Each structure stands twice: as C-alpha cells, then as structure tokens.
Amino acid sequence: MNKTKIIATIGPSSNDIQTLKRLVQSGIDVVRINLKHCDYKFCEDIISKIKKLIQN
C-alpha cells in the first residue's frame, strides 16, 4: 500500500491542457493552484480543465 501522495502546483507556466494531461497521467493525487499569479478567471479555467481531464 503506497501512502505517498503526489502534489502538483499549477501556475501560469503549467496551465495548458497538454501539461495538465501529462500530470494527470503521471498519477498526481492533489492539485494546488498558485494564487499569487492568478485571478478568478484563471482559477475557474484551471479547475474546469482538471475536472475535464479526470472524468475521461
């Protein structure tokens, strides 16, 4: 049983769909959004992309 969790921090340089897809395929357990460089629209966009990727 593996108890180690993989946490990915998403920011402006890692918010494209291909990078997020690779992270999900790599087995990330938690997504952390770097709020220092974002606004509400950025957060909405990241959350919708992640939800779309994990449902597939």
PDB file of N, CA and C in Angstrom:
ATOM      1  N   MET A   1       0.849  -1.171   0.000  1.00  0.00           N
ATOM      2  CA  MET A   1       0.000   0.000   0.000  1.00  0.00           C
ATOM      3  C   MET A   1       0.897   1.238   0.000  1.00  0.00           C
ATOM      4  N   ASN A   2       0.708   2.093  -0.999  1.00  0.00           N
ATOM      5  CA  ASN A   2       1.514   3.300  -1.146  1.00  0.00           C
ATOM      6  C   ASN A   2       0.821   4.468  -0.456  1.00  0.00           C
ATOM      7  N   LYS A   3       1.468   5.085   0.516  1.00  0.00           N
ATOM      8  CA  LYS A   3       0.894   6.223   1.236  1.00  0.00           C
ATOM      9  C   LYS A   3       1.435   7.562   0.744  1.00  0.00           C
ATOM     10  N   THR A   4       2.381   7.531  -0.163  1.00  0.00           N
ATOM     11  CA  THR A   4       2.969   8.755  -0.690  1.00  0.00           C
ATOM     12  C   THR A   4       1.999   9.412  -1.655  1.00  0.00           C
ATOM     13  N   LYS A   5       1.810  10.707  -1.506  1.00  0.00           N
ATOM     14  CA  LYS A   5       0.924  11.469  -2.382  1.00  0.00           C
ATOM     15  C   LYS A   5       1.754  12.386  -3.268  1.00  0.00           C
ATOM     16  N   ILE A   6       1.279  12.583  -4.488  1.00  0.00           N
ATOM     17  CA  ILE A   6       1.943  13.481  -5.427  1.00  0.00           C
ATOM     18  C   ILE A   6       1.105  14.753  -5.514  1.00  0.00           C
ATOM     19  N   ILE A   7       1.740  15.874  -5.177  1.00  0.00           N
ATOM     20  CA  ILE A   7       1.068  17.175  -5.188  1.00  0.00           C
ATOM     21  C   ILE A   7       1.658  18.013  -6.321  1.00  0.00           C
ATOM     22  N   ALA A   8       0.787  18.514  -7.210  1.00  0.00           N
ATOM     23  CA  ALA A   8       1.230  19.353  -8.327  1.00  0.00           C
ATOM     24  C   ALA A   8       0.758  20.776  -8.102  1.00  0.00           C
ATOM     25  N   THR A   9       1.670  21.725  -8.193  1.00  0.00           N
ATOM     26  CA  THR A   9       1.326  23.144  -8.089  1.00  0.00           C
ATOM     27  C   THR A   9       1.165  23.697  -9.497  1.00  0.00           C
ATOM     28  N   ILE A  10      -0.007  24.247  -9.772  1.00  0.00           N
ATOM     29  CA  ILE A  10      -0.319  24.769 -11.095  1.00  0.00           C
ATOM     30  C   ILE A  10      -0.232  26.284 -11.055  1.00  0.00           C
ATOM     31  N   GLY A  11       0.483  26.828 -12.024  1.00  0.00           N
ATOM     32  CA  GLY A  11       0.623  28.276 -12.153  1.00  0.00           C
ATOM     33  C   GLY A  11       0.547  28.659 -13.615  1.00  0.00           C
ATOM     34  N   PRO A  12       0.903  29.880 -13.941  1.00  0.00           N
ATOM     35  CA  PRO A  12       0.813  30.347 -15.321  1.00  0.00           C
ATOM     36  C   PRO A  12       1.622  29.520 -16.330  1.00  0.00           C
ATOM     37  N   SER A  13       2.738  28.978 -15.909  1.00  0.00           N
ATOM     38  CA  SER A  13       3.560  28.230 -16.868  1.00  0.00           C
ATOM     39  C   SER A  13       3.134  26.778 -17.031  1.00  0.00           C
ATOM     40  N   SER A  14       2.203  26.309 -16.212  1.00  0.00           N
ATOM     41  CA  SER A  14       1.781  24.911 -16.319  1.00  0.00           C
ATOM     42  C   SER A  14       0.267  24.779 -16.465  1.00  0.00           C
ATOM     43  N   ASN A  15      -0.389  25.766 -17.043  1.00  0.00           N
ATOM     44  CA  ASN A  15      -1.840  25.714 -17.120  1.00  0.00           C
ATOM     45  C   ASN A  15      -2.383  25.272 -18.472  1.00  0.00           C
ATOM     46  N   ASP A  16      -1.522  24.920 -19.420  1.00  0.00           N
ATOM     47  CA  ASP A  16      -2.032  24.468 -20.704  1.00  0.00           C
ATOM     48  C   ASP A  16      -2.519  23.024 -20.585  1.00  0.00           C
ATOM     49  N   ILE A  17      -3.414  22.637 -21.452  1.00  0.00           N
ATOM     50  CA  ILE A  17      -4.088  21.343 -21.350  1.00  0.00           C
ATOM     51  C   ILE A  17      -3.118  20.168 -21.502  1.00  0.00           C
ATOM     52  N   GLN A  18      -2.098  20.303 -22.338  1.00  0.00           N
ATOM     53  CA  GLN A  18      -1.146  19.205 -22.531  1.00  0.00           C
ATOM     54  C   GLN A  18      -0.321  18.947 -21.273  1.00  0.00           C
ATOM     55  N   THR A  19       0.125  19.995 -20.613  1.00  0.00           N
ATOM     56  CA  THR A  19       0.887  19.842 -19.370  1.00  0.00           C
ATOM     57  C   THR A  19       0.012  19.227 -18.288  1.00  0.00           C
ATOM     58  N   LEU A  20      -1.211  19.695 -18.174  1.00  0.00           N
ATOM     59  CA  LEU A  20      -2.124  19.149 -17.176  1.00  0.00           C
ATOM     60  C   LEU A  20      -2.430  17.678 -17.459  1.00  0.00           C
ATOM     61  N   LYS A  21      -2.579  17.352 -18.712  1.00  0.00           N
ATOM     62  CA  LYS A  21      -2.847  15.953 -19.101  1.00  0.00           C
ATOM     63  C   LYS A  21      -1.682  15.048 -18.695  1.00  0.00           C
ATOM     64  N   ARG A  22      -0.458  15.513 -18.938  1.00  0.00           N
ATOM     65  CA  ARG A  22       0.722  14.723 -18.541  1.00  0.00           C
ATOM     66  C   ARG A  22       0.784  14.543 -17.029  1.00  0.00           C
ATOM     67  N   LEU A  23       0.434  15.580 -16.278  1.00  0.00           N
ATOM     68  CA  LEU A  23       0.432  15.480 -14.819  1.00  0.00           C
ATOM     69  C   LEU A  23      -0.589  14.452 -14.342  1.00  0.00           C
ATOM     70  N   VAL A  24      -1.792  14.506 -14.908  1.00  0.00           N
ATOM     71  CA  VAL A  24      -2.837  13.554 -14.526  1.00  0.00           C
ATOM     72  C   VAL A  24      -2.406  12.129 -14.882  1.00  0.00           C
ATOM     73  N   GLN A  25      -1.832  11.944 -16.059  1.00  0.00           N
ATOM     74  CA  GLN A  25      -1.370  10.624 -16.472  1.00  0.00           C
ATOM     75  C   GLN A  25      -0.212  10.127 -15.608  1.00  0.00           C
ATOM     76  N   SER A  26       0.540  11.038 -15.025  1.00  0.00           N
ATOM     77  CA  SER A  26       1.649  10.674 -14.153  1.00  0.00           C
ATOM     78  C   SER A  26       1.184  10.202 -12.791  1.00  0.00           C
ATOM     79  N   GLY A  27      -0.080  10.476 -12.458  1.00  0.00           N
ATOM     80  CA  GLY A  27      -0.630   9.974 -11.215  1.00  0.00           C
ATOM     81  C   GLY A  27      -0.688  10.974 -10.078  1.00  0.00           C
ATOM     82  N   ILE A  28      -0.882  12.246 -10.378  1.00  0.00           N
ATOM     83  CA  ILE A  28      -0.988  13.227  -9.297  1.00  0.00           C
ATOM     84  C   ILE A  28      -2.215  12.923  -8.430  1.00  0.00           C
ATOM     85  N   ASP A  29      -2.093  13.202  -7.150  1.00  0.00           N
ATOM     86  CA  ASP A  29      -3.182  12.987  -6.206  1.00  0.00           C
ATOM     87  C   ASP A  29      -3.868  14.289  -5.819  1.00  0.00           C
ATOM     88  N   VAL A  30      -3.109  15.381  -5.801  1.00  0.00           N
ATOM     89  CA  VAL A  30      -3.625  16.675  -5.350  1.00  0.00           C
ATOM     90  C   VAL A  30      -3.130  17.759  -6.303  1.00  0.00           C
ATOM     91  N   VAL A  31      -4.042  18.691  -6.623  1.00  0.00           N
ATOM     92  CA  VAL A  31      -3.667  19.858  -7.423  1.00  0.00           C
ATOM     93  C   VAL A  31      -3.747  21.080  -6.526  1.00  0.00           C
ATOM     94  N   ARG A  32      -2.672  21.838  -6.517  1.00  0.00           N
ATOM     95  CA  ARG A  32      -2.603  23.078  -5.751  1.00  0.00           C
ATOM     96  C   ARG A  32      -2.466  24.215  -6.749  1.00  0.00           C
ATOM     97  N   ILE A  33      -3.320  25.221  -6.635  1.00  0.00           N
ATOM     98  CA  ILE A  33      -3.268  26.357  -7.559  1.00  0.00           C
ATOM     99  C   ILE A  33      -2.475  27.473  -6.900  1.00  0.00           C
ATOM    100  N   ASN A  34      -1.444  27.946  -7.604  1.00  0.00           N
ATOM    101  CA  ASN A  34      -0.631  29.046  -7.115  1.00  0.00           C
ATOM    102  C   ASN A  34      -1.425  30.345  -7.279  1.00  0.00           C
ATOM    103  N   LEU A  35      -1.960  30.861  -6.190  1.00  0.00           N
ATOM    104  CA  LEU A  35      -2.834  32.024  -6.235  1.00  0.00           C
ATOM    105  C   LEU A  35      -2.099  33.355  -6.354  1.00  0.00           C
ATOM    106  N   LYS A  36      -0.800  33.336  -6.244  1.00  0.00           N
ATOM    107  CA  LYS A  36      -0.053  34.590  -6.312  1.00  0.00           C
ATOM    108  C   LYS A  36      -0.164  35.246  -7.684  1.00  0.00           C
ATOM    109  N   HIS A  37      -0.225  34.435  -8.718  1.00  0.00           N
ATOM    110  CA  HIS A  37      -0.190  34.968 -10.082  1.00  0.00           C
ATOM    111  C   HIS A  37      -1.524  34.813 -10.814  1.00  0.00           C
ATOM    112  N   CYS A  38      -2.632  34.719 -10.094  1.00  0.00           N
ATOM    113  CA  CYS A  38      -3.868  34.459 -10.817  1.00  0.00           C
ATOM    114  C   CYS A  38      -5.019  35.327 -10.327  1.00  0.00           C
ATOM    115  N   ASP A  39      -6.067  35.285 -11.130  1.00  0.00           N
ATOM    116  CA  ASP A  39      -7.314  35.926 -10.763  1.00  0.00           C
ATOM    117  C   ASP A  39      -8.419  34.869 -10.807  1.00  0.00           C
ATOM    118  N   TYR A  40      -9.639  35.296 -10.595  1.00  0.00           N
ATOM    119  CA  TYR A  40     -10.764  34.368 -10.529  1.00  0.00           C
ATOM    120  C   TYR A  40     -10.926  33.586 -11.834  1.00  0.00           C
ATOM    121  N   LYS A  41     -10.791  34.248 -12.957  1.00  0.00           N
ATOM    122  CA  LYS A  41     -10.931  33.610 -14.277  1.00  0.00           C
ATOM    123  C   LYS A  41      -9.882  32.519 -14.460  1.00  0.00           C
ATOM    124  N   PHE A  42      -8.659  32.788 -14.062  1.00  0.00           N
ATOM    125  CA  PHE A  42      -7.581  31.806 -14.164  1.00  0.00           C
ATOM    126  C   PHE A  42      -7.925  30.564 -13.350  1.00  0.00           C
ATOM    127  N   CYS A  43      -8.396  30.750 -12.126  1.00  0.00           N
ATOM    128  CA  CYS A  43      -8.749  29.622 -11.255  1.00  0.00           C
ATOM    129  C   CYS A  43      -9.900  28.812 -11.833  1.00  0.00           C
ATOM    130  N   GLU A  44     -10.923  29.494 -12.353  1.00  0.00           N
ATOM    131  CA  GLU A  44     -12.041  28.797 -12.995  1.00  0.00           C
ATOM    132  C   GLU A  44     -11.558  27.947 -14.158  1.00  0.00           C
ATOM    133  N   ASP A  45     -10.676  28.500 -14.956  1.00  0.00           N
ATOM    134  CA  ASP A  45     -10.147  27.808 -16.123  1.00  0.00           C
ATOM    135  C   ASP A  45      -9.381  26.548 -15.716  1.00  0.00           C
ATOM    136  N   ILE A  46      -8.509  26.658 -14.735  1.00  0.00           N
ATOM    137  CA  ILE A  46      -7.722  25.513 -14.271  1.00  0.00           C
ATOM    138  C   ILE A  46      -8.638  24.430 -13.703  1.00  0.00           C
ATOM    139  N   ILE A  47      -9.578  24.818 -12.881  1.00  0.00           N
ATOM    140  CA  ILE A  47     -10.476  23.847 -12.252  1.00  0.00           C
ATOM    141  C   ILE A  47     -11.294  23.110 -13.309  1.00  0.00           C
ATOM    142  N   SER A  48     -11.802  23.818 -14.298  1.00  0.00           N
ATOM    143  CA  SER A  48     -12.590  23.152 -15.341  1.00  0.00           C
ATOM    144  C   SER A  48     -11.732  22.211 -16.176  1.00  0.00           C
ATOM    145  N   LYS A  49     -10.488  22.599 -16.464  1.00  0.00           N
ATOM    146  CA  LYS A  49      -9.591  21.716 -17.217  1.00  0.00           C
ATOM    147  C   LYS A  49      -9.275  20.442 -16.437  1.00  0.00           C
ATOM    148  N   ILE A  50      -8.988  20.584 -15.153  1.00  0.00           N
ATOM    149  CA  ILE A  50      -8.674  19.413 -14.321  1.00  0.00           C
ATOM    150  C   ILE A  50      -9.882  18.491 -14.223  1.00  0.00           C
ATOM    151  N   LYS A  51     -11.069  19.050 -13.990  1.00  0.00           N
ATOM    152  CA  LYS A  51     -12.286  18.229 -13.904  1.00  0.00           C
ATOM    153  C   LYS A  51     -12.514  17.468 -15.209  1.00  0.00           C
ATOM    154  N   LYS A  52     -12.315  18.139 -16.327  1.00  0.00           N
ATOM    155  CA  LYS A  52     -12.489  17.507 -17.640  1.00  0.00           C
ATOM    156  C   LYS A  52     -11.509  16.351 -17.827  1.00  0.00           C
ATOM    157  N   LEU A  53     -10.267  16.546 -17.401  1.00  0.00           N
ATOM    158  CA  LEU A  53      -9.250  15.506 -17.567  1.00  0.00           C
ATOM    159  C   LEU A  53      -9.479  14.299 -16.672  1.00  0.00           C
ATOM    160  N   ILE A  54      -9.928  14.505 -15.438  1.00  0.00           N
ATOM    161  CA  ILE A  54     -10.088  13.366 -14.531  1.00  0.00           C
ATOM    162  C   ILE A  54     -11.366  12.582 -14.824  1.00  0.00           C
ATOM    163  N   GLN A  55     -12.305  13.167 -15.543  1.00  0.00           N
ATOM    164  CA  GLN A  55     -13.522  12.446 -15.902  1.00  0.00           C
ATOM    165  C   GLN A  55     -13.302  11.520 -17.079  1.00  0.00           C
ATOM    166  N   ASN A  56     -12.287  11.743 -17.853  1.00  0.00           N
ATOM    167  CA  ASN A  56     -12.014  10.900 -19.041  1.00  0.00           C
ATOM    168  C   ASN A  56     -11.282   9.659 -18.685  1.00  0.00           C
TER     169      ASN A  56
END
